[in-house]
């Protein structure tokens, strides 16, 4: 009698496991089909240290005023991994703007590594919710360092496709003004640069007040990005802007930077999203 009960329970358990497995496989296949067939190609922004998810407000308003309107979603990743959403993505918007920021937005190499882990979790959560695979990446200041860490250590070409990265005033060698004095972070980035996606096009934008720095970041620190990306990816382009709003904190609002984003990020990405 006891053996019959055990056998019956085992059969029931096997049936339940089979039903669950079938449901899981079907759901996973459906999600993957949605991702592969998605026409959504967002532009994802990461602000620099000490900056919030509102960092790009002026930039996004300027872009939306001068062309087709993009819906804006902001995501703050808290230290416990919880995602706090504000704004929304319109159902018919194929190229929304998504800003990902961090509750812990402090400076420092160790903190950048933590922020990259939070970014990765946020990207997969966003993909599960909105079913996109292709996106373009923009990072201001340390936001460019977070993207670099992501591409070298967390990027999976089976999950995402990122044709373009643009960094604005990113200090690839932190505050060092001499390329002869390489920080630990720069050394790590150079050592791991063969992990970068080879089909990536990268634009590194430097601002300058006096052709030595942008008021905060030495121009040589921005230029150090070439030792990471050059000859490892599809295209690497270094651009220097000056004049009004060329200071570090104002770079996202610089008129030339806005044009560069529209020409090299938004327009090509919109063509990528067409079927």
C-alpha atoms as a PDB file:
ATOM      1  CA  UNK A   1       0.000   0.000   0.000  1.00  0.00           C
ATOM      2  CA  UNK A   2       2.788   2.346   0.965  1.00  0.00           C
ATOM      3  CA  UNK A   3       4.636   1.626  -2.281  1.00  0.00           C
ATOM      4  CA  UNK A   4       1.485   2.373  -4.304  1.00  0.00           C
ATOM      5  CA  UNK A   5       1.133   5.761  -2.586  1.00  0.00           C
ATOM      6  CA  UNK A   6       4.792   6.615  -3.273  1.00  0.00           C
ATOM      7  CA  UNK A   7       4.393   5.508  -6.899  1.00  0.00           C
ATOM      8  CA  UNK A   8       1.220   7.564  -7.336  1.00  0.00           C
ATOM      9  CA  UNK A   9       2.857  10.651  -5.836  1.00  0.00           C
ATOM     10  CA  UNK A  10       5.886  10.189  -8.080  1.00  0.00           C
ATOM     11  CA  UNK A  11       3.685   9.978 -11.171  1.00  0.00           C
ATOM     12  CA  UNK A  12       1.764  13.107 -10.136  1.00  0.00           C
ATOM     13  CA  UNK A  13       5.028  14.937  -9.492  1.00  0.00           C
ATOM     14  CA  UNK A  14       6.382  13.930 -12.896  1.00  0.00           C
ATOM     15  CA  UNK A  15       3.205  15.128 -14.600  1.00  0.00           C
ATOM     16  CA  UNK A  16       3.364  18.471 -12.794  1.00  0.00           C
ATOM     17  CA  UNK A  17       7.022  18.903 -13.667  1.00  0.00           C
ATOM     18  CA  UNK A  18       6.280  18.066 -17.283  1.00  0.00           C
ATOM     19  CA  UNK A  19       3.459  20.607 -17.460  1.00  0.00           C
ATOM     20  CA  UNK A  20       5.637  23.270 -15.845  1.00  0.00           C
ATOM     21  CA  UNK A  21       8.534  22.527 -18.190  1.00  0.00           C
ATOM     22  CA  UNK A  22       6.255  22.700 -21.209  1.00  0.00           C
ATOM     23  CA  UNK A  23       4.835  26.045 -20.043  1.00  0.00           C
ATOM     24  CA  UNK A  24       8.332  27.425 -19.362  1.00  0.00           C
ATOM     25  CA  UNK A  25       9.670  26.345 -22.755  1.00  0.00           C
ATOM     26  CA  UNK A  26       6.628  27.770 -24.540  1.00  0.00           C
ATOM     27  CA  UNK A  27       6.879  31.067 -22.668  1.00  0.00           C
ATOM     28  CA  UNK A  28      10.629  31.322 -23.290  1.00  0.00           C
ATOM     29  CA  UNK A  29      10.164  30.590 -27.001  1.00  0.00           C
ATOM     30  CA  UNK A  30       7.450  33.246 -27.238  1.00  0.00           C
ATOM     31  CA  UNK A  31       9.653  35.862 -25.534  1.00  0.00           C
ATOM     32  CA  UNK A  32      12.602  35.035 -27.754  1.00  0.00           C
ATOM     33  CA  UNK A  33      10.433  35.300 -30.859  1.00  0.00           C
ATOM     34  CA  UNK A  34       9.194  38.714 -29.726  1.00  0.00           C
ATOM     35  CA  UNK A  35      12.774  39.885 -29.123  1.00  0.00           C
ATOM     36  CA  UNK A  36      14.057  38.617 -32.475  1.00  0.00           C
ATOM     37  CA  UNK A  37      11.143  40.176 -34.362  1.00  0.00           C
ATOM     38  CA  UNK A  38      11.122  43.439 -32.460  1.00  0.00           C
ATOM     39  CA  UNK A  39      11.337  46.682 -34.396  1.00  0.00           C
ATOM     40  CA  UNK A  40      12.121  48.696 -31.280  1.00  0.00           C
ATOM     41  CA  UNK A  41      15.663  50.134 -31.270  1.00  0.00           C
ATOM     42  CA  UNK A  42      16.036  52.397 -28.232  1.00  0.00           C
ATOM     43  CA  UNK A  43      18.840  54.819 -27.456  1.00  0.00           C
ATOM     44  CA  UNK A  44      20.060  54.136 -23.927  1.00  0.00           C
ATOM     45  CA  UNK A  45      21.817  56.880 -21.941  1.00  0.00           C
ATOM     46  CA  UNK A  46      23.952  56.596 -18.810  1.00  0.00           C
ATOM     47  CA  UNK A  47      24.831  59.748 -16.823  1.00  0.00           C
ATOM     48  CA  UNK A  48      28.141  60.334 -15.075  1.00  0.00           C
ATOM     49  CA  UNK A  49      29.012  60.175 -11.402  1.00  0.00           C
ATOM     50  CA  UNK A  50      26.897  62.265  -9.011  1.00  0.00           C
ATOM     51  CA  UNK A  51      24.345  62.777 -11.808  1.00  0.00           C
ATOM     52  CA  UNK A  52      20.752  61.548 -11.689  1.00  0.00           C
ATOM     53  CA  UNK A  53      18.366  60.130 -14.277  1.00  0.00           C
ATOM     54  CA  UNK A  54      17.386  63.738 -15.054  1.00  0.00           C
ATOM     55  CA  UNK A  55      20.873  64.506 -16.384  1.00  0.00           C
ATOM     56  CA  UNK A  56      19.883  64.456 -20.048  1.00  0.00           C
ATOM     57  CA  UNK A  57      16.584  66.346 -19.773  1.00  0.00           C
ATOM     58  CA  UNK A  58      17.734  69.393 -21.761  1.00  0.00           C
ATOM     59  CA  UNK A  59      19.351  67.245 -24.439  1.00  0.00           C
ATOM     60  CA  UNK A  60      16.274  65.066 -24.900  1.00  0.00           C
ATOM     61  CA  UNK A  61      13.971  68.092 -25.024  1.00  0.00           C
ATOM     62  CA  UNK A  62      16.172  69.694 -27.694  1.00  0.00           C
ATOM     63  CA  UNK A  63      16.144  66.541 -29.820  1.00  0.00           C
ATOM     64  CA  UNK A  64      12.391  66.090 -29.478  1.00  0.00           C
ATOM     65  CA  UNK A  65      11.783  69.725 -30.350  1.00  0.00           C
ATOM     66  CA  UNK A  66      13.802  69.597 -33.555  1.00  0.00           C
ATOM     67  CA  UNK A  67      12.533  66.299 -34.933  1.00  0.00           C
ATOM     68  CA  UNK A  68      10.207  63.351 -34.409  1.00  0.00           C
ATOM     69  CA  UNK A  69       9.172  62.962 -30.775  1.00  0.00           C
ATOM     70  CA  UNK A  70      10.706  60.069 -28.848  1.00  0.00           C
ATOM     71  CA  UNK A  71       9.074  58.811 -25.678  1.00  0.00           C
ATOM     72  CA  UNK A  72      11.303  58.911 -22.595  1.00  0.00           C
ATOM     73  CA  UNK A  73      11.658  56.233 -19.936  1.00  0.00           C
ATOM     74  CA  UNK A  74      13.895  56.725 -16.912  1.00  0.00           C
ATOM     75  CA  UNK A  75      15.112  53.856 -14.771  1.00  0.00           C
ATOM     76  CA  UNK A  76      16.911  54.216 -11.458  1.00  0.00           C
ATOM     77  CA  UNK A  77      18.676  51.113 -10.190  1.00  0.00           C
ATOM     78  CA  UNK A  78      18.747  51.077  -6.401  1.00  0.00           C
ATOM     79  CA  UNK A  79      21.549  49.459  -4.436  1.00  0.00           C
ATOM     80  CA  UNK A  80      19.299  46.485  -3.655  1.00  0.00           C
ATOM     81  CA  UNK A  81      18.778  45.925  -7.378  1.00  0.00           C
ATOM     82  CA  UNK A  82      15.216  47.266  -7.432  1.00  0.00           C
ATOM     83  CA  UNK A  83      14.308  49.213 -10.574  1.00  0.00           C
ATOM     84  CA  UNK A  84      12.324  52.425 -10.152  1.00  0.00           C
ATOM     85  CA  UNK A  85      10.611  53.521 -13.382  1.00  0.00           C
ATOM     86  CA  UNK A  86       9.422  56.982 -14.363  1.00  0.00           C
ATOM     87  CA  UNK A  87       8.007  58.045 -17.702  1.00  0.00           C
ATOM     88  CA  UNK A  88       6.814  55.530 -20.265  1.00  0.00           C
ATOM     89  CA  UNK A  89       7.322  54.156 -23.768  1.00  0.00           C
ATOM     90  CA  UNK A  90       4.510  54.687 -26.243  1.00  0.00           C
ATOM     91  CA  UNK A  91       3.219  51.520 -27.889  1.00  0.00           C
ATOM     92  CA  UNK A  92       3.984  52.782 -31.398  1.00  0.00           C
ATOM     93  CA  UNK A  93       7.393  54.301 -30.580  1.00  0.00           C
ATOM     94  CA  UNK A  94      10.124  52.310 -32.299  1.00  0.00           C
ATOM     95  CA  UNK A  95      12.980  54.493 -31.049  1.00  0.00           C
ATOM     96  CA  UNK A  96      12.395  55.538 -27.453  1.00  0.00           C
ATOM     97  CA  UNK A  97      14.985  57.147 -25.211  1.00  0.00           C
ATOM     98  CA  UNK A  98      15.873  55.231 -22.052  1.00  0.00           C
ATOM     99  CA  UNK A  99      17.993  56.760 -19.277  1.00  0.00           C
ATOM    100  CA  UNK A 100      19.508  54.356 -16.744  1.00  0.00           C
ATOM    101  CA  UNK A 101      20.928  55.872 -13.548  1.00  0.00           C
ATOM    102  CA  UNK A 102      22.004  54.577 -10.168  1.00  0.00           C
ATOM    103  CA  UNK A 103      21.027  55.318  -6.598  1.00  0.00           C
ATOM    104  CA  UNK A 104      24.705  54.898  -5.743  1.00  0.00           C
ATOM    105  CA  UNK A 105      26.193  57.243  -8.336  1.00  0.00           C
ATOM    106  CA  UNK A 106      29.534  57.876  -6.664  1.00  0.00           C
ATOM    107  CA  UNK A 107      32.894  58.018  -8.447  1.00  0.00           C
ATOM    108  CA  UNK A 108      35.725  55.476  -8.313  1.00  0.00           C
ATOM    109  CA  UNK A 109      36.775  52.372 -10.215  1.00  0.00           C
ATOM    110  CA  UNK A 110      35.287  49.892  -7.721  1.00  0.00           C
ATOM    111  CA  UNK A 111      31.985  51.714  -7.822  1.00  0.00           C
ATOM    112  CA  UNK A 112      32.006  51.745 -11.628  1.00  0.00           C
ATOM    113  CA  UNK A 113      32.265  47.950 -11.532  1.00  0.00           C
ATOM    114  CA  UNK A 114      29.188  47.779  -9.274  1.00  0.00           C
ATOM    115  CA  UNK A 115      27.286  50.166 -11.523  1.00  0.00           C
ATOM    116  CA  UNK A 116      28.090  47.966 -14.527  1.00  0.00           C
ATOM    117  CA  UNK A 117      26.542  44.985 -12.759  1.00  0.00           C
ATOM    118  CA  UNK A 118      23.414  47.047 -12.016  1.00  0.00           C
ATOM    119  CA  UNK A 119      23.326  48.213 -15.637  1.00  0.00           C
ATOM    120  CA  UNK A 120      23.462  44.631 -16.902  1.00  0.00           C
ATOM    121  CA  UNK A 121      20.571  43.577 -14.673  1.00  0.00           C
ATOM    122  CA  UNK A 122      18.557  46.602 -15.801  1.00  0.00           C
ATOM    123  CA  UNK A 123      19.163  45.848 -19.496  1.00  0.00           C
ATOM    124  CA  UNK A 124      17.877  42.293 -19.185  1.00  0.00           C
ATOM    125  CA  UNK A 125      14.842  43.471 -17.203  1.00  0.00           C
ATOM    126  CA  UNK A 126      14.102  46.085 -19.853  1.00  0.00           C
ATOM    127  CA  UNK A 127      14.514  43.505 -22.600  1.00  0.00           C
ATOM    128  CA  UNK A 128      12.073  41.151 -20.896  1.00  0.00           C
ATOM    129  CA  UNK A 129       9.557  43.974 -20.542  1.00  0.00           C
ATOM    130  CA  UNK A 130       9.915  45.646 -23.968  1.00  0.00           C
ATOM    131  CA  UNK A 131      11.364  42.830 -26.113  1.00  0.00           C
ATOM    132  CA  UNK A 132      14.138  44.745 -27.880  1.00  0.00           C
ATOM    133  CA  UNK A 133      17.493  43.353 -28.953  1.00  0.00           C
ATOM    134  CA  UNK A 134      19.186  46.231 -30.778  1.00  0.00           C
ATOM    135  CA  UNK A 135      20.018  49.545 -29.128  1.00  0.00           C
ATOM    136  CA  UNK A 136      22.550  52.371 -29.282  1.00  0.00           C
ATOM    137  CA  UNK A 137      24.524  53.456 -26.221  1.00  0.00           C
ATOM    138  CA  UNK A 138      25.458  56.949 -25.025  1.00  0.00           C
ATOM    139  CA  UNK A 139      27.421  57.719 -21.885  1.00  0.00           C
ATOM    140  CA  UNK A 140      28.392  61.058 -20.380  1.00  0.00           C
ATOM    141  CA  UNK A 141      31.578  61.208 -18.308  1.00  0.00           C
ATOM    142  CA  UNK A 142      31.809  58.037 -16.186  1.00  0.00           C
ATOM    143  CA  UNK A 143      28.786  56.722 -18.039  1.00  0.00           C
ATOM    144  CA  UNK A 144      31.204  55.935 -20.870  1.00  0.00           C
ATOM    145  CA  UNK A 145      33.375  53.950 -18.457  1.00  0.00           C
ATOM    146  CA  UNK A 146      30.361  51.901 -17.378  1.00  0.00           C
ATOM    147  CA  UNK A 147      29.540  51.119 -21.002  1.00  0.00           C
ATOM    148  CA  UNK A 148      33.166  50.130 -21.622  1.00  0.00           C
ATOM    149  CA  UNK A 149      33.151  47.774 -18.644  1.00  0.00           C
ATOM    150  CA  UNK A 150      29.848  46.336 -19.852  1.00  0.00           C
ATOM    151  CA  UNK A 151      31.121  45.651 -23.377  1.00  0.00           C
ATOM    152  CA  UNK A 152      34.290  43.998 -22.101  1.00  0.00           C
ATOM    153  CA  UNK A 153      32.828  41.892 -19.307  1.00  0.00           C
ATOM    154  CA  UNK A 154      29.050  41.461 -19.635  1.00  0.00           C
ATOM    155  CA  UNK A 155      28.001  41.979 -23.256  1.00  0.00           C
ATOM    156  CA  UNK A 156      26.505  38.910 -24.937  1.00  0.00           C
ATOM    157  CA  UNK A 157      25.988  39.146 -28.698  1.00  0.00           C
ATOM    158  CA  UNK A 158      23.344  36.402 -28.492  1.00  0.00           C
ATOM    159  CA  UNK A 159      21.240  38.665 -26.264  1.00  0.00           C
ATOM    160  CA  UNK A 160      21.954  42.164 -27.577  1.00  0.00           C
ATOM    161  CA  UNK A 161      23.156  43.952 -30.684  1.00  0.00           C
ATOM    162  CA  UNK A 162      24.713  47.393 -30.219  1.00  0.00           C
ATOM    163  CA  UNK A 163      25.878  49.008 -33.460  1.00  0.00           C
ATOM    164  CA  UNK A 164      26.977  52.338 -31.962  1.00  0.00           C
ATOM    165  CA  UNK A 165      28.474  53.760 -28.784  1.00  0.00           C
ATOM    166  CA  UNK A 166      29.044  57.475 -28.131  1.00  0.00           C
ATOM    167  CA  UNK A 167      30.889  58.770 -25.078  1.00  0.00           C
ATOM    168  CA  UNK A 168      30.893  62.412 -23.988  1.00  0.00           C
ATOM    169  CA  UNK A 169      33.867  63.673 -21.987  1.00  0.00           C
ATOM    170  CA  UNK A 170      34.676  60.199 -20.696  1.00  0.00           C
ATOM    171  CA  UNK A 171      37.849  60.083 -18.557  1.00  0.00           C
ATOM    172  CA  UNK A 172      39.333  56.783 -19.678  1.00  0.00           C
ATOM    173  CA  UNK A 173      42.438  57.576 -17.618  1.00  0.00           C
ATOM    174  CA  UNK A 174      40.553  59.383 -14.847  1.00  0.00           C
ATOM    175  CA  UNK A 175      42.231  62.693 -13.944  1.00  0.00           C
ATOM    176  CA  UNK A 176      45.657  61.828 -15.379  1.00  0.00           C
ATOM    177  CA  UNK A 177      46.833  64.324 -17.994  1.00  0.00           C
ATOM    178  CA  UNK A 178      49.734  62.147 -19.179  1.00  0.00           C
ATOM    179  CA  UNK A 179      49.279  58.933 -21.134  1.00  0.00           C
ATOM    180  CA  UNK A 180      52.559  57.769 -19.630  1.00  0.00           C
ATOM    181  CA  UNK A 181      50.799  57.417 -16.255  1.00  0.00           C
ATOM    182  CA  UNK A 182      48.115  54.828 -16.827  1.00  0.00           C
ATOM    183  CA  UNK A 183      45.600  54.151 -14.088  1.00  0.00           C
ATOM    184  CA  UNK A 184      44.646  50.635 -13.033  1.00  0.00           C
ATOM    185  CA  UNK A 185      41.332  51.067 -14.804  1.00  0.00           C
ATOM    186  CA  UNK A 186      42.902  52.063 -18.123  1.00  0.00           C
ATOM    187  CA  UNK A 187      45.337  49.158 -17.909  1.00  0.00           C
ATOM    188  CA  UNK A 188      42.446  46.750 -17.289  1.00  0.00           C
ATOM    189  CA  UNK A 189      40.434  48.152 -20.183  1.00  0.00           C
ATOM    190  CA  UNK A 190      43.392  47.826 -22.560  1.00  0.00           C
ATOM    191  CA  UNK A 191      44.151  44.301 -21.347  1.00  0.00           C
ATOM    192  CA  UNK A 192      40.563  43.152 -21.914  1.00  0.00           C
ATOM    193  CA  UNK A 193      39.845  45.075 -25.132  1.00  0.00           C
ATOM    194  CA  UNK A 194      39.808  41.945 -27.298  1.00  0.00           C
ATOM    195  CA  UNK A 195      36.445  41.175 -25.691  1.00  0.00           C
ATOM    196  CA  UNK A 196      34.911  44.280 -27.284  1.00  0.00           C
ATOM    197  CA  UNK A 197      32.293  43.575 -29.982  1.00  0.00           C
ATOM    198  CA  UNK A 198      34.066  43.780 -33.331  1.00  0.00           C
ATOM    199  CA  UNK A 199      31.008  45.205 -35.132  1.00  0.00           C
ATOM    200  CA  UNK A 200      30.798  48.262 -32.834  1.00  0.00           C
ATOM    201  CA  UNK A 201      31.232  51.833 -34.111  1.00  0.00           C
ATOM    202  CA  UNK A 202      32.435  54.178 -31.391  1.00  0.00           C
ATOM    203  CA  UNK A 203      32.479  58.004 -31.205  1.00  0.00           C
ATOM    204  CA  UNK A 204      34.511  59.550 -28.404  1.00  0.00           C
ATOM    205  CA  UNK A 205      33.628  63.225 -27.925  1.00  0.00           C
ATOM    206  CA  UNK A 206      35.958  65.524 -25.993  1.00  0.00           C
ATOM    207  CA  UNK A 207      35.148  69.062 -24.902  1.00  0.00           C
ATOM    208  CA  UNK A 208      37.773  71.724 -24.451  1.00  0.00           C
ATOM    209  CA  UNK A 209      37.993  75.173 -22.946  1.00  0.00           C
ATOM    210  CA  UNK A 210      41.687  75.730 -23.622  1.00  0.00           C
ATOM    211  CA  UNK A 211      42.675  72.618 -25.608  1.00  0.00           C
ATOM    212  CA  UNK A 212      44.011  70.967 -22.452  1.00  0.00           C
ATOM    213  CA  UNK A 213      40.786  70.006 -20.643  1.00  0.00           C
ATOM    214  CA  UNK A 214      37.047  70.654 -20.455  1.00  0.00           C
ATOM    215  CA  UNK A 215      37.292  72.238 -17.034  1.00  0.00           C
ATOM    216  CA  UNK A 216      37.345  68.854 -15.272  1.00  0.00           C
ATOM    217  CA  UNK A 217      38.607  66.039 -17.515  1.00  0.00           C
ATOM    218  CA  UNK A 218      42.023  66.351 -19.216  1.00  0.00           C
ATOM    219  CA  UNK A 219      41.680  65.954 -22.970  1.00  0.00           C
ATOM    220  CA  UNK A 220      44.470  63.363 -22.900  1.00  0.00           C
ATOM    221  CA  UNK A 221      42.324  61.236 -20.587  1.00  0.00           C
ATOM    222  CA  UNK A 222      39.503  61.271 -23.148  1.00  0.00           C
ATOM    223  CA  UNK A 223      41.933  60.516 -25.980  1.00  0.00           C
ATOM    224  CA  UNK A 224      43.218  57.508 -23.989  1.00  0.00           C
ATOM    225  CA  UNK A 225      40.073  55.748 -25.169  1.00  0.00           C
ATOM    226  CA  UNK A 226      41.793  55.077 -28.476  1.00  0.00           C
ATOM    227  CA  UNK A 227      44.156  52.622 -26.748  1.00  0.00           C
ATOM    228  CA  UNK A 228      41.078  50.662 -25.690  1.00  0.00           C
ATOM    229  CA  UNK A 229      38.920  50.766 -28.810  1.00  0.00           C
ATOM    230  CA  UNK A 230      41.104  51.526 -31.811  1.00  0.00           C
ATOM    231  CA  UNK A 231      41.743  48.503 -34.075  1.00  0.00           C
ATOM    232  CA  UNK A 232      39.545  46.323 -31.841  1.00  0.00           C
ATOM    233  CA  UNK A 233      36.159  47.426 -33.171  1.00  0.00           C
ATOM    234  CA  UNK A 234      34.612  48.293 -36.532  1.00  0.00           C
ATOM    235  CA  UNK A 235      35.200  52.074 -36.347  1.00  0.00           C
ATOM    236  CA  UNK A 236      36.694  54.449 -33.776  1.00  0.00           C
ATOM    237  CA  UNK A 237      36.268  58.206 -34.203  1.00  0.00           C
ATOM    238  CA  UNK A 238      37.683  60.908 -31.920  1.00  0.00           C
ATOM    239  CA  UNK A 239      35.991  64.332 -32.082  1.00  0.00           C
ATOM    240  CA  UNK A 240      36.798  67.498 -30.142  1.00  0.00           C
ATOM    241  CA  UNK A 241      34.236  70.263 -29.677  1.00  0.00           C
ATOM    242  CA  UNK A 242      34.857  73.758 -28.331  1.00  0.00           C
ATOM    243  CA  UNK A 243      33.011  77.020 -27.853  1.00  0.00           C
ATOM    244  CA  UNK A 244      29.702  77.395 -25.987  1.00  0.00           C
ATOM    245  CA  UNK A 245      28.725  74.504 -23.711  1.00  0.00           C
ATOM    246  CA  UNK A 246      31.993  72.663 -24.304  1.00  0.00           C
ATOM    247  CA  UNK A 247      32.663  72.481 -20.568  1.00  0.00           C
ATOM    248  CA  UNK A 248      32.435  69.021 -19.036  1.00  0.00           C
ATOM    249  CA  UNK A 249      29.045  69.326 -17.343  1.00  0.00           C
ATOM    250  CA  UNK A 250      27.514  71.104 -20.350  1.00  0.00           C
ATOM    251  CA  UNK A 251      28.699  68.713 -23.058  1.00  0.00           C
ATOM    252  CA  UNK A 252      25.323  66.960 -23.477  1.00  0.00           C
ATOM    253  CA  UNK A 253      23.789  70.360 -24.281  1.00  0.00           C
ATOM    254  CA  UNK A 254      26.457  71.412 -26.777  1.00  0.00           C
ATOM    255  CA  UNK A 255      24.804  72.158 -30.180  1.00  0.00           C
ATOM    256  CA  UNK A 256      27.494  70.252 -32.063  1.00  0.00           C
ATOM    257  CA  UNK A 257      27.073  67.251 -29.770  1.00  0.00           C
ATOM    258  CA  UNK A 258      23.314  67.318 -30.370  1.00  0.00           C
ATOM    259  CA  UNK A 259      23.941  67.241 -34.135  1.00  0.00           C
ATOM    260  CA  UNK A 260      26.450  64.410 -33.740  1.00  0.00           C
ATOM    261  CA  UNK A 261      23.874  62.356 -31.817  1.00  0.00           C
ATOM    262  CA  UNK A 262      21.191  63.034 -34.404  1.00  0.00           C
ATOM    263  CA  UNK A 263      23.485  62.228 -37.343  1.00  0.00           C
ATOM    264  CA  UNK A 264      25.493  59.296 -35.986  1.00  0.00           C
ATOM    265  CA  UNK A 265      23.139  57.673 -33.489  1.00  0.00           C
ATOM    266  CA  UNK A 266      19.474  58.414 -34.081  1.00  0.00           C
ATOM    267  CA  UNK A 267      19.290  58.413 -37.886  1.00  0.00           C
ATOM    268  CA  UNK A 268      21.357  55.231 -38.520  1.00  0.00           C
ATOM    269  CA  UNK A 269      19.605  53.385 -35.693  1.00  0.00           C
ATOM    270  CA  UNK A 270      16.164  54.233 -37.073  1.00  0.00           C
ATOM    271  CA  UNK A 271      17.198  52.638 -40.380  1.00  0.00           C
ATOM    272  CA  UNK A 272      18.452  49.557 -38.504  1.00  0.00           C
ATOM    273  CA  UNK A 273      15.035  49.112 -36.932  1.00  0.00           C
ATOM    274  CA  UNK A 274      13.178  49.015 -40.263  1.00  0.00           C
ATOM    275  CA  UNK A 275      12.139  45.718 -41.768  1.00  0.00           C
END
